[in-house]
Amino acid sequence: MIPFVSRIDPLEQDAWIKTLSVAMPDEVILPFSDLTAAQKQLCDVAIVANPDPQDLLALPALKWVHSMWAGVERMMNELSSPPFSIVRLIDPDLAKTMSEAVLAWTLFLHRDMPAYAKQQARQSWLQRPMVRAQDRRIGVLGLGELGKVSAQRLAQNGFSVSGWSRSAKKIDGITCFHGDDGLTSLLGQSDILVCLLPLTMETKGLLNQQTLSRLPEGARLINFARGPIIDDDALLVMLDENHIYHAVLDVFMQEPLPVNHPYWQNASVTVLPHISAPTHPVSASDIVASNIKNFRLTGDIPPAVDPVRGY
């Protein structure tokens, strides 16, 4: 018996359970609300999608939970010292999907699509200077699986790519920085900055007035990570001052983005509805099924989130 614990739409939850059940025909997967009191006492693993912490704490035998999503920061923030391990989704297909989005929107900025859109609006026929890919410096914040694959894909397309992470990394073809000094160096040489960092206490508000000002004049920004990593007020100032030329934002402090938020009406901002790397139900379910099957056979729990680092 495996509970599916979530705060997502009931129809979406039912769709997930159906797909998971196909991937795990030997398991019975039920919504948490359908469990009896006796069943709750026996569950040692749960599948979760933005769960209510109180529901998880109502499962006393729980050893670990498997998230259907890569991001688990809300669960980490809401659970103080959870008595079970939290395993996030690590899906190679997700990394490929993210790298596709990073490449697409990097090209959007690299080839100056925002400027051509503005020119069309005023019926202006003007060919803008072209910058070669090898002359465009891309900085990738976050060199986990998503960041690594995205950085490599950018490099494969001819860009000059650097990356930054909390600890030292080595990736062929990518200039890697780490630590505070490394962040300063990366920002200073990023014509386009791509944020793929996890949201932790250290990364919340990391892109603020001080750090954004270290970007070169006219830099572009892509945030496909988490909204709270960016100080919205600071970014708006940087955009108004033309220090940052354009920002492509897929994640926000509040989602959906409120209708009165200044990002909507800012011509220097592209607003996306959190679509850069959606989890695919089939590939995600296959990964969860494989991890749970291995747990049943060996008792081994997959690598879990570090409660100190938050990822």
C-alpha atoms as a PDB file:
ATOM      1  CA  MET A   1       0.000   0.000   0.000  1.00  0.00           C
ATOM      2  CA  ILE A   2       1.512   3.288  -1.118  1.00  0.00           C
ATOM      3  CA  PRO A   3      -0.239   6.575  -0.366  1.00  0.00           C
ATOM      4  CA  PHE A   4      -0.159   9.418  -2.888  1.00  0.00           C
ATOM      5  CA  VAL A   5       0.031  12.548  -0.761  1.00  0.00           C
ATOM      6  CA  SER A   6      -0.532  15.863  -2.491  1.00  0.00           C
ATOM      7  CA  ARG A   7      -2.178  19.266  -2.573  1.00  0.00           C
ATOM      8  CA  ILE A   8      -2.619  19.275  -6.337  1.00  0.00           C
ATOM      9  CA  ASP A   9      -5.882  19.342  -8.251  1.00  0.00           C
ATOM     10  CA  PRO A  10      -7.895  16.099  -7.693  1.00  0.00           C
ATOM     11  CA  LEU A  11      -8.128  15.400 -11.422  1.00  0.00           C
ATOM     12  CA  GLU A  12      -4.376  15.849 -11.806  1.00  0.00           C
ATOM     13  CA  GLN A  13      -3.819  13.617  -8.792  1.00  0.00           C
ATOM     14  CA  ASP A  14      -6.016  10.879 -10.285  1.00  0.00           C
ATOM     15  CA  ALA A  15      -4.057  11.078 -13.548  1.00  0.00           C
ATOM     16  CA  TRP A  16      -0.774  10.669 -11.678  1.00  0.00           C
ATOM     17  CA  ILE A  17      -2.079   7.681  -9.726  1.00  0.00           C
ATOM     18  CA  LYS A  18      -3.251   5.973 -12.926  1.00  0.00           C
ATOM     19  CA  THR A  19       0.129   6.436 -14.590  1.00  0.00           C
ATOM     20  CA  LEU A  20       2.003   5.274 -11.493  1.00  0.00           C
ATOM     21  CA  SER A  21      -0.249   2.218 -11.199  1.00  0.00           C
ATOM     22  CA  VAL A  22       0.628   1.209 -14.755  1.00  0.00           C
ATOM     23  CA  ALA A  23       4.334   1.505 -13.913  1.00  0.00           C
ATOM     24  CA  MET A  24       3.867  -0.421 -10.623  1.00  0.00           C
ATOM     25  CA  PRO A  25       1.276  -3.159 -11.262  1.00  0.00           C
ATOM     26  CA  ASP A  26       2.315  -5.028  -8.105  1.00  0.00           C
ATOM     27  CA  GLU A  27       1.628  -2.060  -5.844  1.00  0.00           C
ATOM     28  CA  VAL A  28      -1.646  -0.522  -4.668  1.00  0.00           C
ATOM     29  CA  ILE A  29      -1.500   3.261  -4.825  1.00  0.00           C
ATOM     30  CA  LEU A  30      -4.239   5.240  -3.118  1.00  0.00           C
ATOM     31  CA  PRO A  31      -4.904   8.898  -2.370  1.00  0.00           C
ATOM     32  CA  PHE A  32      -3.978   9.695   1.224  1.00  0.00           C
ATOM     33  CA  SER A  33      -7.609  10.611   1.914  1.00  0.00           C
ATOM     34  CA  ASP A  34      -8.716   7.053   1.036  1.00  0.00           C
ATOM     35  CA  LEU A  35      -6.451   5.340   3.585  1.00  0.00           C
ATOM     36  CA  THR A  36      -7.983   3.765   6.651  1.00  0.00           C
ATOM     37  CA  ALA A  37      -6.489   4.424  10.079  1.00  0.00           C
ATOM     38  CA  ALA A  38      -5.009   0.912  10.074  1.00  0.00           C
ATOM     39  CA  GLN A  39      -3.426   1.389   6.640  1.00  0.00           C
ATOM     40  CA  LYS A  40      -1.803   4.634   7.734  1.00  0.00           C
ATOM     41  CA  GLN A  41       0.037   2.726  10.445  1.00  0.00           C
ATOM     42  CA  LEU A  42       1.694   0.410   7.912  1.00  0.00           C
ATOM     43  CA  CYS A  43       2.922   2.692   5.112  1.00  0.00           C
ATOM     44  CA  ASP A  44       6.720   2.778   4.921  1.00  0.00           C
ATOM     45  CA  VAL A  45       6.992   4.749   1.651  1.00  0.00           C
ATOM     46  CA  ALA A  46       4.835   7.480   0.113  1.00  0.00           C
ATOM     47  CA  ILE A  47       4.715   9.204  -3.247  1.00  0.00           C
ATOM     48  CA  VAL A  48       4.245  12.952  -2.910  1.00  0.00           C
ATOM     49  CA  ALA A  49       3.454  16.048  -4.953  1.00  0.00           C
ATOM     50  CA  ASN A  50       3.450  19.188  -2.809  1.00  0.00           C
ATOM     51  CA  PRO A  51       2.101  17.284   0.220  1.00  0.00           C
ATOM     52  CA  ASP A  52       0.556  18.639   3.391  1.00  0.00           C
ATOM     53  CA  PRO A  53       3.225  17.987   6.080  1.00  0.00           C
ATOM     54  CA  GLN A  54       0.549  16.987   8.571  1.00  0.00           C
ATOM     55  CA  ASP A  55      -0.544  14.175   6.275  1.00  0.00           C
ATOM     56  CA  LEU A  56       2.996  12.820   6.170  1.00  0.00           C
ATOM     57  CA  LEU A  57       3.347  13.046   9.925  1.00  0.00           C
ATOM     58  CA  ALA A  58       0.193  10.937  10.196  1.00  0.00           C
ATOM     59  CA  LEU A  59       2.155   7.987   8.744  1.00  0.00           C
ATOM     60  CA  PRO A  60       4.209   6.769  11.745  1.00  0.00           C
ATOM     61  CA  ALA A  61       6.004   3.927   9.893  1.00  0.00           C
ATOM     62  CA  LEU A  62       7.131   6.156   7.024  1.00  0.00           C
ATOM     63  CA  LYS A  63      10.794   5.674   6.114  1.00  0.00           C
ATOM     64  CA  TRP A  64      10.979   7.851   2.998  1.00  0.00           C
ATOM     65  CA  VAL A  65       8.941   9.792   0.496  1.00  0.00           C
ATOM     66  CA  HIS A  66       9.501  10.044  -3.238  1.00  0.00           C
ATOM     67  CA  SER A  67       8.666  13.401  -4.783  1.00  0.00           C
ATOM     68  CA  MET A  68       7.238  13.463  -8.301  1.00  0.00           C
ATOM     69  CA  TRP A  69       9.092  16.733  -8.872  1.00  0.00           C
ATOM     70  CA  ALA A  70      12.721  17.816  -8.768  1.00  0.00           C
ATOM     71  CA  GLY A  71      11.950  20.748  -6.447  1.00  0.00           C
ATOM     72  CA  VAL A  72      11.319  19.849  -2.809  1.00  0.00           C
ATOM     73  CA  GLU A  73      12.098  23.170  -1.105  1.00  0.00           C
ATOM     74  CA  ARG A  74       8.523  23.763   0.075  1.00  0.00           C
ATOM     75  CA  MET A  75       8.477  20.385   1.779  1.00  0.00           C
ATOM     76  CA  MET A  76      11.863  21.053   3.342  1.00  0.00           C
ATOM     77  CA  ASN A  77      10.730  24.458   4.595  1.00  0.00           C
ATOM     78  CA  GLU A  78       7.466  23.188   6.054  1.00  0.00           C
ATOM     79  CA  LEU A  79       8.907  20.109   7.768  1.00  0.00           C
ATOM     80  CA  SER A  80      11.234  20.704  10.678  1.00  0.00           C
ATOM     81  CA  SER A  81      13.570  17.708  11.115  1.00  0.00           C
ATOM     82  CA  PRO A  82      11.337  15.169   9.322  1.00  0.00           C
ATOM     83  CA  PRO A  83      11.620  11.619  10.711  1.00  0.00           C
ATOM     84  CA  PHE A  84      11.868  10.206   7.181  1.00  0.00           C
ATOM     85  CA  SER A  85      14.066  10.729   4.123  1.00  0.00           C
ATOM     86  CA  ILE A  86      12.969  12.936   1.224  1.00  0.00           C
ATOM     87  CA  VAL A  87      13.936  11.766  -2.262  1.00  0.00           C
ATOM     88  CA  ARG A  88      13.497  14.183  -5.141  1.00  0.00           C
ATOM     89  CA  LEU A  89      12.936  13.164  -8.741  1.00  0.00           C
ATOM     90  CA  ILE A  90      16.114  12.871 -10.802  1.00  0.00           C
ATOM     91  CA  ASP A  91      14.903  12.331 -14.338  1.00  0.00           C
ATOM     92  CA  PRO A  92      17.375  12.406 -17.265  1.00  0.00           C
ATOM     93  CA  ASP A  93      14.466  13.377 -19.506  1.00  0.00           C
ATOM     94  CA  LEU A  94      13.874  16.402 -17.263  1.00  0.00           C
ATOM     95  CA  ALA A  95      17.460  17.539 -17.758  1.00  0.00           C
ATOM     96  CA  LYS A  96      17.096  17.183 -21.531  1.00  0.00           C
ATOM     97  CA  THR A  97      13.832  19.124 -21.465  1.00  0.00           C
ATOM     98  CA  MET A  98      15.381  21.889 -19.379  1.00  0.00           C
ATOM     99  CA  SER A  99      18.433  22.107 -21.628  1.00  0.00           C
ATOM    100  CA  GLU A 100      16.119  22.464 -24.617  1.00  0.00           C
ATOM    101  CA  ALA A 101      14.344  25.394 -22.954  1.00  0.00           C
ATOM    102  CA  VAL A 102      17.630  26.987 -21.887  1.00  0.00           C
ATOM    103  CA  LEU A 103      18.984  26.752 -25.434  1.00  0.00           C
ATOM    104  CA  ALA A 104      15.757  28.079 -26.988  1.00  0.00           C
ATOM    105  CA  TRP A 105      15.513  31.153 -24.775  1.00  0.00           C
ATOM    106  CA  THR A 106      19.249  31.783 -24.861  1.00  0.00           C
ATOM    107  CA  LEU A 107      18.960  31.925 -28.647  1.00  0.00           C
ATOM    108  CA  PHE A 108      15.948  34.230 -28.244  1.00  0.00           C
ATOM    109  CA  LEU A 109      18.133  36.671 -26.344  1.00  0.00           C
ATOM    110  CA  HIS A 110      21.312  36.028 -28.313  1.00  0.00           C
ATOM    111  CA  ARG A 111      19.637  36.810 -31.650  1.00  0.00           C
ATOM    112  CA  ASP A 112      17.927  39.891 -30.149  1.00  0.00           C
ATOM    113  CA  MET A 113      14.347  38.752 -30.637  1.00  0.00           C
ATOM    114  CA  PRO A 114      12.976  41.255 -28.060  1.00  0.00           C
ATOM    115  CA  ALA A 115      14.400  44.136 -30.106  1.00  0.00           C
ATOM    116  CA  TYR A 116      12.937  42.838 -33.359  1.00  0.00           C
ATOM    117  CA  ALA A 117       9.525  42.459 -31.699  1.00  0.00           C
ATOM    118  CA  LYS A 118       9.681  46.121 -30.643  1.00  0.00           C
ATOM    119  CA  GLN A 119      10.748  47.131 -34.149  1.00  0.00           C
ATOM    120  CA  GLN A 120       7.811  45.274 -35.677  1.00  0.00           C
ATOM    121  CA  ALA A 121       5.407  47.097 -33.362  1.00  0.00           C
ATOM    122  CA  ARG A 122       6.604  50.433 -34.788  1.00  0.00           C
ATOM    123  CA  GLN A 123       7.056  49.118 -38.347  1.00  0.00           C
ATOM    124  CA  SER A 124      10.793  49.659 -38.260  1.00  0.00           C
ATOM    125  CA  TRP A 125      12.913  47.754 -40.822  1.00  0.00           C
ATOM    126  CA  LEU A 126      16.361  47.640 -39.239  1.00  0.00           C
ATOM    127  CA  GLN A 127      18.973  44.896 -39.298  1.00  0.00           C
ATOM    128  CA  ARG A 128      20.776  44.800 -35.962  1.00  0.00           C
ATOM    129  CA  PRO A 129      24.435  43.780 -35.599  1.00  0.00           C
ATOM    130  CA  MET A 130      24.914  40.050 -35.168  1.00  0.00           C
ATOM    131  CA  VAL A 131      27.122  38.598 -32.429  1.00  0.00           C
ATOM    132  CA  ARG A 132      28.738  35.236 -33.114  1.00  0.00           C
ATOM    133  CA  ALA A 133      27.899  32.454 -30.660  1.00  0.00           C
ATOM    134  CA  GLN A 134      31.538  32.022 -29.654  1.00  0.00           C
ATOM    135  CA  ASP A 135      31.639  35.706 -28.757  1.00  0.00           C
ATOM    136  CA  ARG A 136      28.571  35.524 -26.519  1.00  0.00           C
ATOM    137  CA  ARG A 137      29.497  34.655 -22.936  1.00  0.00           C
ATOM    138  CA  ILE A 138      26.899  32.543 -21.111  1.00  0.00           C
ATOM    139  CA  GLY A 139      26.971  32.068 -17.339  1.00  0.00           C
ATOM    140  CA  VAL A 140      25.049  29.207 -15.763  1.00  0.00           C
ATOM    141  CA  LEU A 141      24.258  29.451 -12.052  1.00  0.00           C
ATOM    142  CA  GLY A 142      23.902  25.945 -10.653  1.00  0.00           C
ATOM    143  CA  LEU A 143      25.797  22.940 -11.961  1.00  0.00           C
ATOM    144  CA  GLY A 144      23.611  20.129 -10.695  1.00  0.00           C
ATOM    145  CA  GLU A 145      22.148  17.704 -13.225  1.00  0.00           C
ATOM    146  CA  LEU A 146      19.939  20.335 -14.854  1.00  0.00           C
ATOM    147  CA  GLY A 147      22.673  22.955 -14.962  1.00  0.00           C
ATOM    148  CA  LYS A 148      25.353  20.559 -16.163  1.00  0.00           C
ATOM    149  CA  VAL A 149      23.313  19.256 -19.106  1.00  0.00           C
ATOM    150  CA  SER A 150      22.141  22.765 -20.006  1.00  0.00           C
ATOM    151  CA  ALA A 151      25.681  24.163 -19.913  1.00  0.00           C
ATOM    152  CA  GLN A 152      26.941  21.336 -22.101  1.00  0.00           C
ATOM    153  CA  ARG A 153      24.151  21.865 -24.619  1.00  0.00           C
ATOM    154  CA  LEU A 154      24.979  25.562 -24.855  1.00  0.00           C
ATOM    155  CA  ALA A 155      28.648  24.746 -25.388  1.00  0.00           C
ATOM    156  CA  GLN A 156      27.736  22.217 -28.093  1.00  0.00           C
ATOM    157  CA  ASN A 157      25.988  25.056 -29.897  1.00  0.00           C
ATOM    158  CA  GLY A 158      29.112  27.149 -29.981  1.00  0.00           C
ATOM    159  CA  PHE A 159      28.644  29.487 -27.017  1.00  0.00           C
ATOM    160  CA  SER A 160      31.380  30.419 -24.578  1.00  0.00           C
ATOM    161  CA  VAL A 161      30.011  28.871 -21.384  1.00  0.00           C
ATOM    162  CA  SER A 162      30.972  29.228 -17.727  1.00  0.00           C
ATOM    163  CA  GLY A 163      29.208  27.833 -14.688  1.00  0.00           C
ATOM    164  CA  TRP A 164      29.059  28.445 -10.960  1.00  0.00           C
ATOM    165  CA  SER A 165      28.255  26.138  -8.072  1.00  0.00           C
ATOM    166  CA  ARG A 166      28.582  26.198  -4.313  1.00  0.00           C
ATOM    167  CA  SER A 167      31.408  23.640  -4.349  1.00  0.00           C
ATOM    168  CA  ALA A 168      34.071  22.975  -6.970  1.00  0.00           C
ATOM    169  CA  LYS A 169      32.947  21.122 -10.106  1.00  0.00           C
ATOM    170  CA  LYS A 170      34.782  19.951 -13.215  1.00  0.00           C
ATOM    171  CA  ILE A 171      32.878  19.674 -16.502  1.00  0.00           C
ATOM    172  CA  ASP A 172      34.611  19.210 -19.829  1.00  0.00           C
ATOM    173  CA  GLY A 173      34.232  22.261 -22.043  1.00  0.00           C
ATOM    174  CA  ILE A 174      32.819  24.430 -19.241  1.00  0.00           C
ATOM    175  CA  THR A 175      34.820  26.956 -17.203  1.00  0.00           C
ATOM    176  CA  CYS A 176      33.714  26.243 -13.637  1.00  0.00           C
ATOM    177  CA  PHE A 177      33.686  28.703 -10.742  1.00  0.00           C
ATOM    178  CA  HIS A 178      32.667  28.189  -7.124  1.00  0.00           C
ATOM    179  CA  GLY A 179      32.400  30.100  -3.865  1.00  0.00           C
ATOM    180  CA  ASP A 180      31.872  33.828  -3.323  1.00  0.00           C
ATOM    181  CA  ASP A 181      34.866  34.921  -5.380  1.00  0.00           C
ATOM    182  CA  GLY A 182      33.841  32.591  -8.173  1.00  0.00           C
ATOM    183  CA  LEU A 183      30.350  34.088  -8.230  1.00  0.00           C
ATOM    184  CA  THR A 184      31.778  37.576  -8.643  1.00  0.00           C
ATOM    185  CA  SER A 185      33.974  36.380 -11.494  1.00  0.00           C
ATOM    186  CA  LEU A 186      31.131  34.585 -13.270  1.00  0.00           C
ATOM    187  CA  LEU A 187      28.738  37.520 -13.040  1.00  0.00           C
ATOM    188  CA  GLY A 188      31.325  39.938 -14.416  1.00  0.00           C
ATOM    189  CA  GLN A 189      31.716  37.916 -17.606  1.00  0.00           C
ATOM    190  CA  SER A 190      28.118  36.817 -18.297  1.00  0.00           C
ATOM    191  CA  ASP A 191      26.439  38.466 -21.272  1.00  0.00           C
ATOM    192  CA  ILE A 192      23.522  36.100 -20.653  1.00  0.00           C
ATOM    193  CA  LEU A 193      23.009  34.716 -17.134  1.00  0.00           C
ATOM    194  CA  VAL A 194      20.981  31.512 -16.750  1.00  0.00           C
ATOM    195  CA  CYS A 195      19.775  30.681 -13.228  1.00  0.00           C
ATOM    196  CA  LEU A 196      19.206  26.982 -12.470  1.00  0.00           C
ATOM    197  CA  LEU A 197      19.987  27.017  -8.746  1.00  0.00           C
ATOM    198  CA  PRO A 198      17.973  25.151  -6.120  1.00  0.00           C
ATOM    199  CA  LEU A 199      16.141  27.359  -3.634  1.00  0.00           C
ATOM    200  CA  THR A 200      17.889  27.240  -0.261  1.00  0.00           C
ATOM    201  CA  MET A 201      18.531  29.676   2.567  1.00  0.00           C
ATOM    202  CA  GLU A 202      21.802  30.566   0.814  1.00  0.00           C
ATOM    203  CA  THR A 203      20.281  31.164  -2.626  1.00  0.00           C
ATOM    204  CA  LYS A 204      17.133  33.036  -1.584  1.00  0.00           C
ATOM    205  CA  GLY A 205      17.591  36.615  -2.777  1.00  0.00           C
ATOM    206  CA  LEU A 206      21.009  35.779  -4.226  1.00  0.00           C
ATOM    207  CA  LEU A 207      20.306  37.862  -7.327  1.00  0.00           C
ATOM    208  CA  ASN A 208      19.862  41.253  -5.687  1.00  0.00           C
ATOM    209  CA  GLN A 209      20.916  44.848  -6.313  1.00  0.00           C
ATOM    210  CA  GLN A 210      24.543  44.107  -5.436  1.00  0.00           C
ATOM    211  CA  THR A 211      24.978  40.926  -7.456  1.00  0.00           C
ATOM    212  CA  LEU A 212      22.907  42.002 -10.472  1.00  0.00           C
ATOM    213  CA  SER A 213      24.979  45.184 -10.728  1.00  0.00           C
ATOM    214  CA  ARG A 214      28.059  43.019 -11.288  1.00  0.00           C
ATOM    215  CA  LEU A 215      26.681  41.849 -14.620  1.00  0.00           C
ATOM    216  CA  PRO A 216      28.039  43.658 -17.678  1.00  0.00           C
ATOM    217  CA  GLU A 217      26.023  46.621 -18.938  1.00  0.00           C
ATOM    218  CA  GLY A 218      23.255  45.312 -21.206  1.00  0.00           C
ATOM    219  CA  ALA A 219      23.336  41.745 -19.886  1.00  0.00           C
ATOM    220  CA  ARG A 220      20.383  39.428 -20.334  1.00  0.00           C
ATOM    221  CA  LEU A 221      18.874  37.187 -17.650  1.00  0.00           C
ATOM    222  CA  ILE A 222      16.999  33.857 -17.679  1.00  0.00           C
ATOM    223  CA  ASN A 223      15.495  32.444 -14.486  1.00  0.00           C
ATOM    224  CA  PHE A 224      14.264  28.854 -14.800  1.00  0.00           C
ATOM    225  CA  ALA A 225      15.019  28.014 -11.145  1.00  0.00           C
ATOM    226  CA  ARG A 226      12.799  29.471  -8.406  1.00  0.00           C
ATOM    227  CA  GLY A 227      11.253  32.928  -8.083  1.00  0.00           C
ATOM    228  CA  PRO A 228      12.587  33.867  -4.620  1.00  0.00           C
ATOM    229  CA  ILE A 229      16.180  33.639  -5.855  1.00  0.00           C
ATOM    230  CA  ILE A 230      15.632  37.015  -7.531  1.00  0.00           C
ATOM    231  CA  ASP A 231      14.905  40.268  -5.722  1.00  0.00           C
ATOM    232  CA  ASP A 232      12.059  41.530  -7.931  1.00  0.00           C
ATOM    233  CA  ASP A 233      12.454  45.174  -6.949  1.00  0.00           C
ATOM    234  CA  ALA A 234      16.173  45.095  -7.685  1.00  0.00           C
ATOM    235  CA  LEU A 235      15.615  43.482 -11.074  1.00  0.00           C
ATOM    236  CA  LEU A 236      13.023  46.071 -12.041  1.00  0.00           C
ATOM    237  CA  VAL A 237      15.472  48.851 -11.161  1.00  0.00           C
ATOM    238  CA  MET A 238      18.207  47.198 -13.224  1.00  0.00           C
ATOM    239  CA  LEU A 239      15.811  46.891 -16.168  1.00  0.00           C
ATOM    240  CA  ASP A 240      14.661  50.519 -15.884  1.00  0.00           C
ATOM    241  CA  GLU A 241      18.276  51.665 -15.841  1.00  0.00           C
ATOM    242  CA  ASN A 242      19.035  49.440 -18.862  1.00  0.00           C
ATOM    243  CA  HIS A 243      21.805  47.745 -16.927  1.00  0.00           C
ATOM    244  CA  ILE A 244      19.921  44.543 -17.712  1.00  0.00           C
ATOM    245  CA  TYR A 245      18.587  44.588 -21.258  1.00  0.00           C
ATOM    246  CA  HIS A 246      15.942  41.843 -21.001  1.00  0.00           C
ATOM    247  CA  ALA A 247      14.812  39.136 -18.573  1.00  0.00           C
ATOM    248  CA  VAL A 248      13.069  35.854 -19.395  1.00  0.00           C
ATOM    249  CA  LEU A 249      11.275  34.686 -16.251  1.00  0.00           C
ATOM    250  CA  ASP A 250       9.524  31.338 -15.872  1.00  0.00           C
ATOM    251  CA  VAL A 251       9.282  31.262 -12.070  1.00  0.00           C
ATOM    252  CA  PHE A 252       8.004  33.821  -9.577  1.00  0.00           C
ATOM    253  CA  MET A 253       7.625  34.580  -5.899  1.00  0.00           C
ATOM    254  CA  GLN A 254       3.892  33.992  -6.285  1.00  0.00           C
ATOM    255  CA  GLU A 255       2.392  31.735  -8.935  1.00  0.00           C
ATOM    256  CA  PRO A 256       0.317  32.358 -10.935  1.00  0.00           C
ATOM    257  CA  LEU A 257       1.884  35.794 -11.286  1.00  0.00           C
ATOM    258  CA  PRO A 258      -0.638  38.363  -9.922  1.00  0.00           C
ATOM    259  CA  VAL A 259      -2.408  40.328 -12.650  1.00  0.00           C
ATOM    260  CA  ASN A 260      -1.187  43.644 -11.207  1.00  0.00           C
ATOM    261  CA  HIS A 261       2.495  42.643 -11.093  1.00  0.00           C
ATOM    262  CA  PRO A 262       4.742  45.100 -12.985  1.00  0.00           C
ATOM    263  CA  TYR A 263       6.424  42.270 -14.880  1.00  0.00           C
ATOM    264  CA  TRP A 264       3.313  41.835 -17.047  1.00  0.00           C
ATOM    265  CA  GLN A 265       3.518  45.313 -18.540  1.00  0.00           C
ATOM    266  CA  ASN A 266       7.303  45.640 -18.704  1.00  0.00           C
ATOM    267  CA  ALA A 267       8.476  45.461 -22.324  1.00  0.00           C
ATOM    268  CA  SER A 268      11.883  44.268 -21.103  1.00  0.00           C
ATOM    269  CA  VAL A 269      10.444  41.160 -19.444  1.00  0.00           C
ATOM    270  CA  THR A 270       9.194  37.945 -21.022  1.00  0.00           C
ATOM    271  CA  VAL A 271       6.768  36.190 -18.655  1.00  0.00           C
ATOM    272  CA  LEU A 272       6.389  32.417 -18.975  1.00  0.00           C
ATOM    273  CA  PRO A 273       3.861  30.323 -16.961  1.00  0.00           C
ATOM    274  CA  HIS A 274       6.367  27.875 -15.370  1.00  0.00           C
ATOM    275  CA  ILE A 275       6.779  25.742 -18.480  1.00  0.00           C
ATOM    276  CA  SER A 276      10.547  25.426 -18.947  1.00  0.00           C
ATOM    277  CA  ALA A 277      10.811  21.799 -17.769  1.00  0.00           C
ATOM    278  CA  PRO A 278       7.508  20.138 -16.858  1.00  0.00           C
ATOM    279  CA  THR A 279       7.703  16.670 -15.365  1.00  0.00           C
ATOM    280  CA  HIS A 280       6.567  14.027 -17.853  1.00  0.00           C
ATOM    281  CA  PRO A 281       4.221  11.559 -16.097  1.00  0.00           C
ATOM    282  CA  VAL A 282       5.447   8.438 -17.914  1.00  0.00           C
ATOM    283  CA  SER A 283       9.205   8.931 -17.473  1.00  0.00           C
ATOM    284  CA  ALA A 284       8.766  10.160 -13.896  1.00  0.00           C
ATOM    285  CA  SER A 285       6.544   7.205 -12.992  1.00  0.00           C
ATOM    286  CA  ASP A 286       9.058   4.740 -14.431  1.00  0.00           C
ATOM    287  CA  ILE A 287      11.833   6.234 -12.284  1.00  0.00           C
ATOM    288  CA  VAL A 288       9.710   6.193  -9.132  1.00  0.00           C
ATOM    289  CA  ALA A 289       8.640   2.609  -9.863  1.00  0.00           C
ATOM    290  CA  SER A 290      12.249   1.485 -10.292  1.00  0.00           C
ATOM    291  CA  ASN A 291      13.341   3.123  -7.033  1.00  0.00           C
ATOM    292  CA  ILE A 292      10.462   1.654  -5.044  1.00  0.00           C
ATOM    293  CA  LYS A 293      10.969  -1.816  -6.554  1.00  0.00           C
ATOM    294  CA  ASN A 294      14.631  -1.704  -5.545  1.00  0.00           C
ATOM    295  CA  PHE A 295      13.613  -0.609  -2.036  1.00  0.00           C
ATOM    296  CA  ARG A 296      11.242  -3.561  -1.743  1.00  0.00           C
ATOM    297  CA  LEU A 297      13.994  -5.960  -2.822  1.00  0.00           C
ATOM    298  CA  THR A 298      16.972  -4.545  -0.936  1.00  0.00           C
ATOM    299  CA  GLY A 299      15.689  -2.081   1.647  1.00  0.00           C
ATOM    300  CA  ASP A 300      17.910   0.590   0.091  1.00  0.00           C
ATOM    301  CA  ILE A 301      16.536   4.144   0.001  1.00  0.00           C
ATOM    302  CA  PRO A 302      17.681   6.243  -2.986  1.00  0.00           C
ATOM    303  CA  PRO A 303      20.009   9.213  -2.302  1.00  0.00           C
ATOM    304  CA  ALA A 304      17.982  11.672  -0.237  1.00  0.00           C
ATOM    305  CA  VAL A 305      17.933  15.438   0.124  1.00  0.00           C
ATOM    306  CA  ASP A 306      20.541  16.807   2.526  1.00  0.00           C
ATOM    307  CA  PRO A 307      18.482  18.632   5.190  1.00  0.00           C
ATOM    308  CA  VAL A 308      21.298  21.143   5.739  1.00  0.00           C
ATOM    309  CA  ARG A 309      21.924  22.050   2.096  1.00  0.00           C
ATOM    310  CA  GLY A 310      18.237  21.719   1.157  1.00  0.00           C
ATOM    311  CA  TYR A 311      18.915  19.684  -1.997  1.00  0.00           C
END
